[in-house]
Amino acid sequence: MSIPAGVIVLPEKNIGVREMILVMTYAVVVFSILVQGSSIVPLINKAKEYERKRKTTV
């Protein structure tokens, strides 16, 4: 990676910039997957309901 490996953010815990950015990136990805995964079922149900209503009115 092009992130500097020697820069320390938290010296008392020996945590560098690279590790901090990697952890934040993984957290964002996992959060996105969980939120999208939990919202897809209601979205599908709404789409099915919309299609049923559309078929009955036409």
Protein backbone atom coordinates (compact mmCIF):
# COMPACT_ATOMS: atom_id res chain seq x y z
CA MET A 1 0.00 0.00 0.00
CA SER A 2 1.06 3.58 -0.43
CA ILE A 3 0.13 4.48 3.15
CA PRO A 4 3.22 5.16 5.26
CA ALA A 5 3.91 2.25 7.58
CA GLY A 6 6.14 4.05 10.10
CA VAL A 7 3.78 6.79 11.30
CA ILE A 8 2.31 6.02 14.73
CA VAL A 9 -1.11 7.43 15.69
CA LEU A 10 -1.36 6.05 19.21
CA PRO A 11 2.18 5.58 20.53
CA GLU A 12 1.07 4.06 23.86
CA LYS A 13 -0.68 1.22 21.98
CA ASN A 14 1.76 1.13 19.04
CA ILE A 15 -1.01 1.62 16.45
CA GLY A 16 0.08 3.07 13.13
CA VAL A 17 -1.75 5.03 10.44
CA ARG A 18 -1.86 2.05 8.10
CA GLU A 19 -3.51 -0.25 10.64
CA MET A 20 -6.02 2.46 11.59
CA ILE A 21 -7.06 3.05 7.97
CA LEU A 22 -7.35 -0.69 7.29
CA VAL A 23 -9.58 -1.22 10.34
CA MET A 24 -11.78 1.75 9.38
CA THR A 25 -12.07 0.46 5.80
CA TYR A 26 -13.11 -3.02 6.93
CA ALA A 27 -15.62 -1.51 9.38
CA VAL A 28 -17.23 0.56 6.61
CA VAL A 29 -17.45 -2.45 4.30
CA VAL A 30 -18.97 -4.72 6.95
CA PHE A 31 -21.44 -2.02 8.02
CA SER A 32 -22.49 -1.46 4.40
CA ILE A 33 -23.04 -5.17 3.79
CA LEU A 34 -25.08 -5.53 6.99
CA VAL A 35 -27.28 -2.49 6.32
CA GLN A 36 -27.92 -3.39 2.70
CA GLY A 37 -28.51 -7.03 3.60
CA SER A 38 -31.06 -6.14 6.25
CA SER A 39 -32.93 -3.69 4.03
CA ILE A 40 -33.21 -5.84 0.88
CA VAL A 41 -36.02 -8.09 2.19
CA PRO A 42 -38.43 -5.20 2.95
CA LEU A 43 -37.58 -3.68 -0.44
CA ILE A 44 -38.41 -6.93 -2.23
CA ASN A 45 -41.68 -7.24 -0.29
CA LYS A 46 -42.69 -3.69 -1.24
CA ALA A 47 -41.89 -4.38 -4.89
CA LYS A 48 -44.01 -7.55 -4.86
CA GLU A 49 -46.90 -5.67 -3.22
CA TYR A 50 -46.63 -2.91 -5.82
CA GLU A 51 -46.71 -5.46 -8.65
CA ARG A 52 -49.78 -7.17 -7.17
CA LYS A 53 -51.62 -3.85 -6.87
CA ARG A 54 -50.63 -2.87 -10.40
CA LYS A 55 -51.90 -6.16 -11.86
CA THR A 56 -55.25 -5.90 -10.09
CA THR A 57 -55.91 -2.30 -11.24
CA VAL A 58 -54.96 -2.89 -14.88
